[in-house]
Amino acid sequence: MSWFKRKMGLLSLALARVEKQSLNQVSDAIGENESMSQTYQQGTLSDALLKGELTMPVKELRWRLYKVLSASKGRIAKVVGYDEDGLPIVNTYNLEKFKLDKVARDNADPYDVEMLVENEDITKSVLEGFNNENINEIKEEDIDDYDKNSGKFNLVGADEFEGVRTIGEISFDKMIATLKSKKTLFIERKLRPKFEIELYTKKLLVRKINEEEKLLEFYLSAYPDEYDRKTRLLINEIKKINENPKHSSLIDINKVIFITDGVIGAKDGLEYEYQIIKFDKVVVFNGFYVIKFLAKIIVNGENIFEKYKLDELEKRYENKEAK
């Protein structure tokens, strides 16, 4: 059930990007002549999705997916038996909500916790994975043709190579960098630091100071990672931040942005943006270094799907009309 909901969520987010892509002027890689060809799929939903066209069926699919995700949030399905036709009998239950008052937090500040954001990996798409500066040594114009029998590409003025395995012949470190996924937290800054705080943050606590200001707490492990030698240097830098914050680029950040997905204390699909006012302090708590910032609200939980709401479709849902 959770796998299905996760896939639905990813598809729903992807559909939300169709509008942006369709409004951009993108050249046709196949050629102008090919763009005039007619196919038996032209005008269908699948054809519009492949071409990135924002048609009414695409808009309806996007909103239906959001409705399904919203209705299934906080519920779990369990097979309790099978009917005479062999079909499963499923009961659904409400999941017990994790209460914010049970979230562990340090006592250095008295403010209540509003949200707990797990800074999880967001898997890159195939296009993003290969659209990387580390593997651009071989360009599209360098490819002459492709031999289907041998499974090899012929390069213009170069030796043959097998698929992507030897493309660019990048180092292991660069390959790992290519495969790294994105994180839930997005940090806006002026200059790239020695250590990017979002890559090492395990979770973020948002604590309420008042209606306009929040205390953002970044939890970074206090123990070095045996697979990442840089974490020892990172820990050494964190230890010195309280003594002289100006000497650490780790805390030189301007904005913190994220979209909720499984966040404790908020519904899914809400966008939050905070402007950093100043660095507060670093405390050690429960095996973590907690780096704290004072911040003010810029965007406070805007529903990213609300602008895609279809009033006509909503009326049909309310009236329980057939598709």
C-alpha atoms as a PDB file:
ATOM      1  CA  MET A   1       0.000   0.000   0.000  1.00  0.00           C
ATOM      2  CA  SER A   2       2.767   2.435   0.937  1.00  0.00           C
ATOM      3  CA  TRP A   3       4.673   1.537  -2.279  1.00  0.00           C
ATOM      4  CA  PHE A   4       1.586   2.267  -4.355  1.00  0.00           C
ATOM      5  CA  LYS A   5       0.931   5.574  -2.618  1.00  0.00           C
ATOM      6  CA  ARG A   6       4.574   6.578  -3.053  1.00  0.00           C
ATOM      7  CA  LYS A   7       4.415   5.867  -6.791  1.00  0.00           C
ATOM      8  CA  MET A   8       1.148   7.747  -7.088  1.00  0.00           C
ATOM      9  CA  GLY A   9       2.686  10.696  -5.314  1.00  0.00           C
ATOM     10  CA  LEU A  10       5.694  10.768  -7.632  1.00  0.00           C
ATOM     11  CA  LEU A  11       3.436  10.554 -10.677  1.00  0.00           C
ATOM     12  CA  SER A  12       1.249  13.350  -9.331  1.00  0.00           C
ATOM     13  CA  LEU A  13       4.264  15.599  -8.801  1.00  0.00           C
ATOM     14  CA  ALA A  14       5.544  14.762 -12.267  1.00  0.00           C
ATOM     15  CA  LEU A  15       2.210  15.728 -13.784  1.00  0.00           C
ATOM     16  CA  ALA A  16       2.413  19.057 -11.990  1.00  0.00           C
ATOM     17  CA  ARG A  17       5.564  19.792 -13.988  1.00  0.00           C
ATOM     18  CA  VAL A  18       3.890  19.146 -17.345  1.00  0.00           C
ATOM     19  CA  GLU A  19       2.453  22.675 -17.389  1.00  0.00           C
ATOM     20  CA  LYS A  20       5.890  24.246 -16.988  1.00  0.00           C
ATOM     21  CA  GLN A  21       7.385  22.102 -19.731  1.00  0.00           C
ATOM     22  CA  SER A  22       4.502  22.695 -22.123  1.00  0.00           C
ATOM     23  CA  LEU A  23       4.771  26.479 -21.806  1.00  0.00           C
ATOM     24  CA  ASN A  24       8.480  26.467 -22.674  1.00  0.00           C
ATOM     25  CA  GLN A  25       9.615  26.594 -26.301  1.00  0.00           C
ATOM     26  CA  VAL A  26      11.411  23.304 -26.851  1.00  0.00           C
ATOM     27  CA  SER A  27      12.880  22.302 -30.204  1.00  0.00           C
ATOM     28  CA  ASP A  28      11.888  18.973 -31.667  1.00  0.00           C
ATOM     29  CA  ALA A  29      14.936  16.680 -31.639  1.00  0.00           C
ATOM     30  CA  ILE A  30      13.478  14.488 -34.393  1.00  0.00           C
ATOM     31  CA  GLY A  31      12.951  17.322 -36.852  1.00  0.00           C
ATOM     32  CA  GLU A  32      10.223  19.521 -38.225  1.00  0.00           C
ATOM     33  CA  ASN A  33       9.085  16.987 -40.799  1.00  0.00           C
ATOM     34  CA  GLU A  34       8.503  14.323 -38.155  1.00  0.00           C
ATOM     35  CA  SER A  35       6.425  16.710 -36.064  1.00  0.00           C
ATOM     36  CA  MET A  36       3.827  16.788 -38.854  1.00  0.00           C
ATOM     37  CA  SER A  37       3.294  13.018 -38.838  1.00  0.00           C
ATOM     38  CA  GLN A  38      -0.026  11.601 -37.671  1.00  0.00           C
ATOM     39  CA  THR A  39      -0.203   8.590 -35.354  1.00  0.00           C
ATOM     40  CA  TYR A  40      -3.094   6.478 -34.207  1.00  0.00           C
ATOM     41  CA  GLN A  41      -2.343   7.628 -30.630  1.00  0.00           C
ATOM     42  CA  GLN A  42      -2.560  11.329 -31.432  1.00  0.00           C
ATOM     43  CA  GLY A  43      -4.961  13.085 -29.101  1.00  0.00           C
ATOM     44  CA  THR A  44      -4.919  10.334 -26.479  1.00  0.00           C
ATOM     45  CA  LEU A  45      -3.914  10.770 -22.850  1.00  0.00           C
ATOM     46  CA  SER A  46      -0.762   8.655 -23.253  1.00  0.00           C
ATOM     47  CA  ASP A  47       0.325  10.691 -26.284  1.00  0.00           C
ATOM     48  CA  ALA A  48      -0.142  13.961 -24.375  1.00  0.00           C
ATOM     49  CA  LEU A  49       1.869  12.644 -21.419  1.00  0.00           C
ATOM     50  CA  LEU A  50       4.729  11.549 -23.681  1.00  0.00           C
ATOM     51  CA  LYS A  51       4.830  14.899 -25.460  1.00  0.00           C
ATOM     52  CA  GLY A  52       4.363  16.967 -22.310  1.00  0.00           C
ATOM     53  CA  GLU A  53       1.150  18.525 -23.588  1.00  0.00           C
ATOM     54  CA  LEU A  54      -1.217  20.097 -21.067  1.00  0.00           C
ATOM     55  CA  THR A  55      -4.561  18.785 -22.270  1.00  0.00           C
ATOM     56  CA  MET A  56      -7.788  18.545 -20.286  1.00  0.00           C
ATOM     57  CA  PRO A  57      -7.403  14.739 -19.759  1.00  0.00           C
ATOM     58  CA  VAL A  58      -3.923  15.406 -18.321  1.00  0.00           C
ATOM     59  CA  LYS A  59      -5.326  18.042 -15.969  1.00  0.00           C
ATOM     60  CA  GLU A  60      -8.094  15.680 -14.870  1.00  0.00           C
ATOM     61  CA  LEU A  61      -5.652  12.814 -14.288  1.00  0.00           C
ATOM     62  CA  ARG A  62      -3.422  15.066 -12.209  1.00  0.00           C
ATOM     63  CA  TRP A  63      -6.316  16.171  -9.991  1.00  0.00           C
ATOM     64  CA  ARG A  64      -7.708  12.635  -9.655  1.00  0.00           C
ATOM     65  CA  LEU A  65      -4.316  11.401  -8.465  1.00  0.00           C
ATOM     66  CA  TYR A  66      -4.220  14.156  -5.871  1.00  0.00           C
ATOM     67  CA  LYS A  67      -7.717  13.236  -4.670  1.00  0.00           C
ATOM     68  CA  VAL A  68      -6.728   9.563  -4.329  1.00  0.00           C
ATOM     69  CA  LEU A  69      -3.580  10.453  -2.388  1.00  0.00           C
ATOM     70  CA  SER A  70      -5.495  12.775  -0.078  1.00  0.00           C
ATOM     71  CA  ALA A  71      -8.194  10.189   0.628  1.00  0.00           C
ATOM     72  CA  SER A  72      -5.704   7.372   1.286  1.00  0.00           C
ATOM     73  CA  LYS A  73      -3.431   9.433   3.527  1.00  0.00           C
ATOM     74  CA  GLY A  74      -3.247   7.995   7.044  1.00  0.00           C
ATOM     75  CA  ARG A  75      -4.964   4.725   6.106  1.00  0.00           C
ATOM     76  CA  ILE A  76      -3.684   1.188   5.654  1.00  0.00           C
ATOM     77  CA  ALA A  77      -5.249  -1.761   3.824  1.00  0.00           C
ATOM     78  CA  LYS A  78      -5.215  -5.366   5.039  1.00  0.00           C
ATOM     79  CA  VAL A  79      -6.434  -8.509   3.251  1.00  0.00           C
ATOM     80  CA  VAL A  80      -8.747 -10.361   5.659  1.00  0.00           C
ATOM     81  CA  GLY A  81     -10.024 -13.080   3.339  1.00  0.00           C
ATOM     82  CA  TYR A  82     -11.213 -14.002  -0.153  1.00  0.00           C
ATOM     83  CA  ASP A  83     -14.667 -14.176  -1.692  1.00  0.00           C
ATOM     84  CA  GLU A  84     -16.143 -17.036  -3.721  1.00  0.00           C
ATOM     85  CA  ASP A  85     -14.519 -15.690  -6.901  1.00  0.00           C
ATOM     86  CA  GLY A  86     -11.080 -15.690  -5.298  1.00  0.00           C
ATOM     87  CA  LEU A  87     -10.944 -11.904  -5.033  1.00  0.00           C
ATOM     88  CA  PRO A  88      -9.413 -10.451  -1.865  1.00  0.00           C
ATOM     89  CA  ILE A  89     -11.591  -8.942   0.853  1.00  0.00           C
ATOM     90  CA  VAL A  90      -9.847  -5.818   2.102  1.00  0.00           C
ATOM     91  CA  ASN A  91     -10.443  -3.813   5.247  1.00  0.00           C
ATOM     92  CA  THR A  92      -8.955  -0.368   5.726  1.00  0.00           C
ATOM     93  CA  TYR A  93      -7.818   1.133   9.008  1.00  0.00           C
ATOM     94  CA  ASN A  94      -6.725   4.544  10.162  1.00  0.00           C
ATOM     95  CA  LEU A  95      -3.085   4.734  11.173  1.00  0.00           C
ATOM     96  CA  GLU A  96      -2.370   6.131  14.606  1.00  0.00           C
ATOM     97  CA  LYS A  97      -0.949   9.607  14.195  1.00  0.00           C
ATOM     98  CA  PHE A  98       2.422  10.334  15.711  1.00  0.00           C
ATOM     99  CA  LYS A  99       1.993  13.193  18.139  1.00  0.00           C
ATOM    100  CA  LEU A 100       4.401  16.118  18.075  1.00  0.00           C
ATOM    101  CA  ASP A 101       4.633  16.162  21.858  1.00  0.00           C
ATOM    102  CA  LYS A 102       6.416  12.804  21.614  1.00  0.00           C
ATOM    103  CA  VAL A 103       9.159  14.207  19.381  1.00  0.00           C
ATOM    104  CA  ALA A 104      12.483  14.248  21.230  1.00  0.00           C
ATOM    105  CA  ARG A 105      13.971  17.727  21.489  1.00  0.00           C
ATOM    106  CA  ASP A 106      16.616  19.436  23.597  1.00  0.00           C
ATOM    107  CA  ASN A 107      15.787  21.732  26.503  1.00  0.00           C
ATOM    108  CA  ALA A 108      17.997  24.615  25.377  1.00  0.00           C
ATOM    109  CA  ASP A 109      14.901  26.398  24.006  1.00  0.00           C
ATOM    110  CA  PRO A 110      11.304  26.397  25.333  1.00  0.00           C
ATOM    111  CA  TYR A 111       9.512  26.650  21.975  1.00  0.00           C
ATOM    112  CA  ASP A 112       6.949  24.040  20.869  1.00  0.00           C
ATOM    113  CA  VAL A 113       7.690  21.786  17.882  1.00  0.00           C
ATOM    114  CA  GLU A 114       5.416  22.428  14.881  1.00  0.00           C
ATOM    115  CA  MET A 115       6.933  20.080  12.308  1.00  0.00           C
ATOM    116  CA  LEU A 116       9.411  17.244  12.018  1.00  0.00           C
ATOM    117  CA  VAL A 117      10.864  16.914   8.509  1.00  0.00           C
ATOM    118  CA  GLU A 118      12.838  13.770   7.705  1.00  0.00           C
ATOM    119  CA  ASN A 119      15.498  14.814   5.193  1.00  0.00           C
ATOM    120  CA  GLU A 120      15.139  11.746   2.984  1.00  0.00           C
ATOM    121  CA  ASP A 121      16.611  11.015  -0.420  1.00  0.00           C
ATOM    122  CA  ILE A 122      14.542  11.908  -3.468  1.00  0.00           C
ATOM    123  CA  THR A 123      15.599   9.625  -6.305  1.00  0.00           C
ATOM    124  CA  LYS A 124      16.803  11.339  -9.449  1.00  0.00           C
ATOM    125  CA  SER A 125      15.251  10.558 -12.790  1.00  0.00           C
ATOM    126  CA  VAL A 126      17.266   8.765 -15.475  1.00  0.00           C
ATOM    127  CA  LEU A 127      17.557  12.029 -17.407  1.00  0.00           C
ATOM    128  CA  GLU A 128      18.950  13.857 -14.364  1.00  0.00           C
ATOM    129  CA  GLY A 129      21.337  10.997 -13.663  1.00  0.00           C
ATOM    130  CA  PHE A 130      22.960  11.162 -17.076  1.00  0.00           C
ATOM    131  CA  ASN A 131      22.689  14.927 -17.474  1.00  0.00           C
ATOM    132  CA  ASN A 132      25.802  15.394 -15.351  1.00  0.00           C
ATOM    133  CA  GLU A 133      28.962  17.382 -15.950  1.00  0.00           C
ATOM    134  CA  ASN A 134      31.051  14.348 -15.022  1.00  0.00           C
ATOM    135  CA  ILE A 135      29.855  12.278 -17.972  1.00  0.00           C
ATOM    136  CA  ASN A 136      29.619  14.784 -20.804  1.00  0.00           C
ATOM    137  CA  GLU A 137      32.890  13.893 -22.497  1.00  0.00           C
ATOM    138  CA  ILE A 138      30.998  12.106 -25.284  1.00  0.00           C
ATOM    139  CA  LYS A 139      28.376  14.276 -26.972  1.00  0.00           C
ATOM    140  CA  GLU A 140      25.429  13.361 -29.151  1.00  0.00           C
ATOM    141  CA  GLU A 141      27.050  14.767 -32.293  1.00  0.00           C
ATOM    142  CA  ASP A 142      30.023  12.428 -31.759  1.00  0.00           C
ATOM    143  CA  ILE A 143      27.832   9.345 -32.234  1.00  0.00           C
ATOM    144  CA  ASP A 144      27.776   8.065 -35.800  1.00  0.00           C
ATOM    145  CA  ASP A 145      25.399   5.121 -35.611  1.00  0.00           C
ATOM    146  CA  TYR A 146      24.328   2.216 -33.451  1.00  0.00           C
ATOM    147  CA  ASP A 147      24.882  -1.446 -34.316  1.00  0.00           C
ATOM    148  CA  LYS A 148      21.898  -3.387 -32.983  1.00  0.00           C
ATOM    149  CA  ASN A 149      23.590  -6.755 -33.507  1.00  0.00           C
ATOM    150  CA  SER A 150      26.694  -5.991 -31.451  1.00  0.00           C
ATOM    151  CA  GLY A 151      25.041  -3.525 -29.109  1.00  0.00           C
ATOM    152  CA  LYS A 152      27.795  -0.975 -29.739  1.00  0.00           C
ATOM    153  CA  PHE A 153      27.896   2.661 -30.790  1.00  0.00           C
ATOM    154  CA  ASN A 154      30.205   3.859 -33.538  1.00  0.00           C
ATOM    155  CA  LEU A 155      31.853   7.179 -32.730  1.00  0.00           C
ATOM    156  CA  VAL A 156      33.020   9.704 -35.293  1.00  0.00           C
ATOM    157  CA  GLY A 157      36.813   9.492 -35.336  1.00  0.00           C
ATOM    158  CA  ALA A 158      36.924   7.285 -32.238  1.00  0.00           C
ATOM    159  CA  ASP A 159      36.953   3.659 -31.214  1.00  0.00           C
ATOM    160  CA  GLU A 160      33.811   1.703 -30.485  1.00  0.00           C
ATOM    161  CA  PHE A 161      32.414   1.557 -26.984  1.00  0.00           C
ATOM    162  CA  GLU A 162      29.739  -0.584 -25.405  1.00  0.00           C
ATOM    163  CA  GLY A 163      26.714   1.434 -24.378  1.00  0.00           C
ATOM    164  CA  VAL A 164      27.075   3.610 -21.317  1.00  0.00           C
ATOM    165  CA  ARG A 165      29.531   1.389 -19.471  1.00  0.00           C
ATOM    166  CA  THR A 166      32.631   3.156 -20.765  1.00  0.00           C
ATOM    167  CA  ILE A 167      31.072   6.502 -21.604  1.00  0.00           C
ATOM    168  CA  GLY A 168      33.510   9.200 -20.575  1.00  0.00           C
ATOM    169  CA  GLU A 169      35.486   6.695 -18.469  1.00  0.00           C
ATOM    170  CA  ILE A 170      34.733   8.666 -15.299  1.00  0.00           C
ATOM    171  CA  SER A 171      36.314   7.891 -11.941  1.00  0.00           C
ATOM    172  CA  PHE A 172      34.527   5.967  -9.191  1.00  0.00           C
ATOM    173  CA  ASP A 173      34.135   9.100  -7.041  1.00  0.00           C
ATOM    174  CA  LYS A 174      32.542  11.005  -9.920  1.00  0.00           C
ATOM    175  CA  MET A 175      30.248   8.088 -10.648  1.00  0.00           C
ATOM    176  CA  ILE A 176      29.048   8.041  -7.018  1.00  0.00           C
ATOM    177  CA  ALA A 177      28.532  11.804  -7.172  1.00  0.00           C
ATOM    178  CA  THR A 178      26.387  11.265 -10.262  1.00  0.00           C
ATOM    179  CA  LEU A 179      24.241   8.672  -8.494  1.00  0.00           C
ATOM    180  CA  LYS A 180      23.659  10.809  -5.402  1.00  0.00           C
ATOM    181  CA  SER A 181      20.015  11.645  -4.953  1.00  0.00           C
ATOM    182  CA  LYS A 182      18.448  14.916  -4.013  1.00  0.00           C
ATOM    183  CA  LYS A 183      17.281  15.720  -0.493  1.00  0.00           C
ATOM    184  CA  THR A 184      13.937  16.889   0.859  1.00  0.00           C
ATOM    185  CA  LEU A 185      15.473  20.133   2.104  1.00  0.00           C
ATOM    186  CA  PHE A 186      16.521  22.760  -0.425  1.00  0.00           C
ATOM    187  CA  ILE A 187      18.962  25.402   0.785  1.00  0.00           C
ATOM    188  CA  GLU A 188      19.454  28.729  -0.950  1.00  0.00           C
ATOM    189  CA  ARG A 189      22.847  30.411  -0.471  1.00  0.00           C
ATOM    190  CA  LYS A 190      25.102  32.920  -2.197  1.00  0.00           C
ATOM    191  CA  LEU A 191      28.269  30.821  -2.360  1.00  0.00           C
ATOM    192  CA  ARG A 192      28.843  27.086  -2.355  1.00  0.00           C
ATOM    193  CA  PRO A 193      30.321  26.077   1.021  1.00  0.00           C
ATOM    194  CA  LYS A 194      32.924  23.487   1.921  1.00  0.00           C
ATOM    195  CA  PHE A 195      30.159  21.345   3.425  1.00  0.00           C
ATOM    196  CA  GLU A 196      26.522  21.568   2.326  1.00  0.00           C
ATOM    197  CA  ILE A 197      24.402  21.279   5.441  1.00  0.00           C
ATOM    198  CA  GLU A 198      21.439  19.706   3.598  1.00  0.00           C
ATOM    199  CA  LEU A 199      23.543  16.692   2.546  1.00  0.00           C
ATOM    200  CA  TYR A 200      24.353  15.773   6.149  1.00  0.00           C
ATOM    201  CA  THR A 201      21.114  16.744   7.900  1.00  0.00           C
ATOM    202  CA  LYS A 202      19.086  13.764   9.121  1.00  0.00           C
ATOM    203  CA  LYS A 203      16.014  15.735  10.131  1.00  0.00           C
ATOM    204  CA  LEU A 204      14.749  19.278  10.628  1.00  0.00           C
ATOM    205  CA  LEU A 205      12.638  20.467  13.538  1.00  0.00           C
ATOM    206  CA  VAL A 206      10.553  23.613  13.070  1.00  0.00           C
ATOM    207  CA  ARG A 207       9.746  25.246  16.414  1.00  0.00           C
ATOM    208  CA  LYS A 208       7.345  28.157  16.860  1.00  0.00           C
ATOM    209  CA  ILE A 209       8.721  31.361  18.403  1.00  0.00           C
ATOM    210  CA  ASN A 210       5.742  33.522  17.393  1.00  0.00           C
ATOM    211  CA  GLU A 211       3.383  33.899  14.427  1.00  0.00           C
ATOM    212  CA  GLU A 212       6.126  35.273  12.184  1.00  0.00           C
ATOM    213  CA  GLU A 213       9.367  33.701  13.450  1.00  0.00           C
ATOM    214  CA  LYS A 214      10.513  30.102  13.738  1.00  0.00           C
ATOM    215  CA  LEU A 215      13.494  28.272  15.191  1.00  0.00           C
ATOM    216  CA  LEU A 216      14.928  25.852  12.608  1.00  0.00           C
ATOM    217  CA  GLU A 217      16.965  22.987  14.043  1.00  0.00           C
ATOM    218  CA  PHE A 218      19.178  20.897  11.757  1.00  0.00           C
ATOM    219  CA  TYR A 219      20.117  17.493  13.195  1.00  0.00           C
ATOM    220  CA  LEU A 220      23.518  16.194  12.035  1.00  0.00           C
ATOM    221  CA  SER A 221      24.998  12.964  13.352  1.00  0.00           C
ATOM    222  CA  ALA A 222      27.702  13.421  15.986  1.00  0.00           C
ATOM    223  CA  TYR A 223      29.449  10.269  14.761  1.00  0.00           C
ATOM    224  CA  PRO A 224      31.698  10.045  11.671  1.00  0.00           C
ATOM    225  CA  ASP A 225      30.547   7.956   8.718  1.00  0.00           C
ATOM    226  CA  GLU A 226      33.031   5.203   7.881  1.00  0.00           C
ATOM    227  CA  TYR A 227      32.004   5.428   4.220  1.00  0.00           C
ATOM    228  CA  ASP A 228      32.461   9.193   4.017  1.00  0.00           C
ATOM    229  CA  ARG A 229      35.854  10.439   5.118  1.00  0.00           C
ATOM    230  CA  LYS A 230      34.682  14.054   4.943  1.00  0.00           C
ATOM    231  CA  THR A 231      32.393  13.608   7.956  1.00  0.00           C
ATOM    232  CA  ARG A 232      35.367  13.697  10.342  1.00  0.00           C
ATOM    233  CA  LEU A 233      36.340  17.099   8.970  1.00  0.00           C
ATOM    234  CA  LEU A 234      32.703  18.172   9.148  1.00  0.00           C
ATOM    235  CA  ILE A 235      32.454  17.241  12.834  1.00  0.00           C
ATOM    236  CA  ASN A 236      35.640  19.162  13.593  1.00  0.00           C
ATOM    237  CA  GLU A 237      34.152  22.230  11.922  1.00  0.00           C
ATOM    238  CA  ILE A 238      30.852  21.935  13.799  1.00  0.00           C
ATOM    239  CA  LYS A 239      32.718  21.807  17.126  1.00  0.00           C
ATOM    240  CA  LYS A 240      34.288  25.195  16.382  1.00  0.00           C
ATOM    241  CA  ILE A 241      31.135  26.991  15.175  1.00  0.00           C
ATOM    242  CA  ASN A 242      30.041  28.302  18.576  1.00  0.00           C
ATOM    243  CA  GLU A 243      33.515  29.773  19.146  1.00  0.00           C
ATOM    244  CA  ASN A 244      33.615  31.671  15.861  1.00  0.00           C
ATOM    245  CA  PRO A 245      30.537  31.308  13.607  1.00  0.00           C
ATOM    246  CA  LYS A 246      31.901  33.690  10.958  1.00  0.00           C
ATOM    247  CA  HIS A 247      34.668  31.241  10.060  1.00  0.00           C
ATOM    248  CA  SER A 248      32.278  28.450   9.026  1.00  0.00           C
ATOM    249  CA  SER A 249      30.621  28.434   5.606  1.00  0.00           C
ATOM    250  CA  LEU A 250      28.417  25.529   6.764  1.00  0.00           C
ATOM    251  CA  ILE A 251      25.979  27.948   8.403  1.00  0.00           C
ATOM    252  CA  ASP A 252      26.149  30.571   5.660  1.00  0.00           C
ATOM    253  CA  ILE A 253      22.635  29.983   4.295  1.00  0.00           C
ATOM    254  CA  ASN A 254      19.872  32.368   3.188  1.00  0.00           C
ATOM    255  CA  LYS A 255      16.708  30.324   2.770  1.00  0.00           C
ATOM    256  CA  VAL A 256      15.299  26.902   3.648  1.00  0.00           C
ATOM    257  CA  ILE A 257      12.633  25.468   1.342  1.00  0.00           C
ATOM    258  CA  PHE A 258      10.808  22.138   1.331  1.00  0.00           C
ATOM    259  CA  ILE A 259       7.572  20.491   0.181  1.00  0.00           C
ATOM    260  CA  THR A 260       5.934  18.230   2.735  1.00  0.00           C
ATOM    261  CA  ASP A 261       5.714  14.487   2.071  1.00  0.00           C
ATOM    262  CA  GLY A 262       5.171  12.341   5.141  1.00  0.00           C
ATOM    263  CA  VAL A 263       6.088  15.261   7.413  1.00  0.00           C
ATOM    264  CA  ILE A 264       4.867  14.984  11.007  1.00  0.00           C
ATOM    265  CA  GLY A 265       2.747  18.014  11.806  1.00  0.00           C
ATOM    266  CA  ALA A 266       1.650  18.959   8.263  1.00  0.00           C
ATOM    267  CA  LYS A 267      -0.331  17.590   5.340  1.00  0.00           C
ATOM    268  CA  ASP A 268       1.409  16.406   2.175  1.00  0.00           C
ATOM    269  CA  GLY A 269       1.961  18.715  -0.777  1.00  0.00           C
ATOM    270  CA  LEU A 270       2.484  21.922   1.210  1.00  0.00           C
ATOM    271  CA  GLU A 271       5.329  24.290   0.405  1.00  0.00           C
ATOM    272  CA  TYR A 272       7.269  26.078   3.130  1.00  0.00           C
ATOM    273  CA  GLU A 273       9.952  28.717   2.716  1.00  0.00           C
ATOM    274  CA  TYR A 274      11.899  30.396   5.506  1.00  0.00           C
ATOM    275  CA  GLN A 275      14.287  33.341   5.353  1.00  0.00           C
ATOM    276  CA  ILE A 276      17.222  32.907   7.728  1.00  0.00           C
ATOM    277  CA  ILE A 277      17.574  35.849  10.123  1.00  0.00           C
ATOM    278  CA  LYS A 278      20.726  34.677  11.889  1.00  0.00           C
ATOM    279  CA  PHE A 279      22.602  31.683  13.220  1.00  0.00           C
ATOM    280  CA  ASP A 280      21.609  30.905  16.825  1.00  0.00           C
ATOM    281  CA  LYS A 281      23.805  28.172  18.326  1.00  0.00           C
ATOM    282  CA  VAL A 282      24.934  24.543  18.228  1.00  0.00           C
ATOM    283  CA  VAL A 283      23.970  22.066  20.956  1.00  0.00           C
ATOM    284  CA  VAL A 284      24.673  18.357  21.394  1.00  0.00           C
ATOM    285  CA  PHE A 285      21.600  16.205  21.943  1.00  0.00           C
ATOM    286  CA  ASN A 286      20.844  12.493  21.692  1.00  0.00           C
ATOM    287  CA  GLY A 287      23.793  11.660  19.425  1.00  0.00           C
ATOM    288  CA  PHE A 288      23.328  14.693  17.171  1.00  0.00           C
ATOM    289  CA  TYR A 289      24.761  18.126  16.686  1.00  0.00           C
ATOM    290  CA  VAL A 290      21.739  20.419  16.539  1.00  0.00           C
ATOM    291  CA  ILE A 291      22.493  23.557  14.506  1.00  0.00           C
ATOM    292  CA  LYS A 292      19.889  26.248  15.154  1.00  0.00           C
ATOM    293  CA  PHE A 293      18.802  29.274  13.128  1.00  0.00           C
ATOM    294  CA  LEU A 294      16.280  32.031  13.713  1.00  0.00           C
ATOM    295  CA  ALA A 295      14.064  32.427  10.636  1.00  0.00           C
ATOM    296  CA  LYS A 296      11.012  34.303   9.416  1.00  0.00           C
ATOM    297  CA  ILE A 297       8.183  32.912   7.305  1.00  0.00           C
ATOM    298  CA  ILE A 298       8.119  33.619   3.561  1.00  0.00           C
ATOM    299  CA  VAL A 299       5.763  30.860   2.369  1.00  0.00           C
ATOM    300  CA  ASN A 300       3.648  29.192   5.042  1.00  0.00           C
ATOM    301  CA  GLY A 301       2.186  25.929   3.792  1.00  0.00           C
ATOM    302  CA  GLU A 302       0.863  26.768   0.331  1.00  0.00           C
ATOM    303  CA  ASN A 303      -0.814  23.793  -1.314  1.00  0.00           C
ATOM    304  CA  ILE A 304       1.142  23.119  -4.504  1.00  0.00           C
ATOM    305  CA  PHE A 305      -1.830  21.279  -6.041  1.00  0.00           C
ATOM    306  CA  GLU A 306      -4.513  23.827  -5.220  1.00  0.00           C
ATOM    307  CA  LYS A 307      -3.795  25.863  -8.347  1.00  0.00           C
ATOM    308  CA  TYR A 308      -4.512  22.726 -10.395  1.00  0.00           C
ATOM    309  CA  LYS A 309      -7.955  22.246  -8.853  1.00  0.00           C
ATOM    310  CA  LEU A 310     -10.701  21.661 -11.403  1.00  0.00           C
ATOM    311  CA  ASP A 311     -14.021  23.046 -10.166  1.00  0.00           C
ATOM    312  CA  GLU A 312     -16.063  21.134 -12.733  1.00  0.00           C
ATOM    313  CA  LEU A 313     -14.447  17.839 -11.739  1.00  0.00           C
ATOM    314  CA  GLU A 314     -15.002  18.647  -8.059  1.00  0.00           C
ATOM    315  CA  LYS A 315     -18.728  19.130  -8.712  1.00  0.00           C
ATOM    316  CA  ARG A 316     -18.859  15.739 -10.431  1.00  0.00           C
ATOM    317  CA  TYR A 317     -17.162  14.172  -7.411  1.00  0.00           C
ATOM    318  CA  GLU A 318     -19.647  15.817  -5.025  1.00  0.00           C
ATOM    319  CA  ASN A 319     -22.584  14.651  -7.136  1.00  0.00           C
ATOM    320  CA  LYS A 320     -21.022  11.176  -7.533  1.00  0.00           C
ATOM    321  CA  GLU A 321     -21.405  11.400 -11.286  1.00  0.00           C
ATOM    322  CA  ALA A 322     -19.971   8.789 -13.625  1.00  0.00           C
ATOM    323  CA  LYS A 323     -16.813   9.633 -15.548  1.00  0.00           C
END
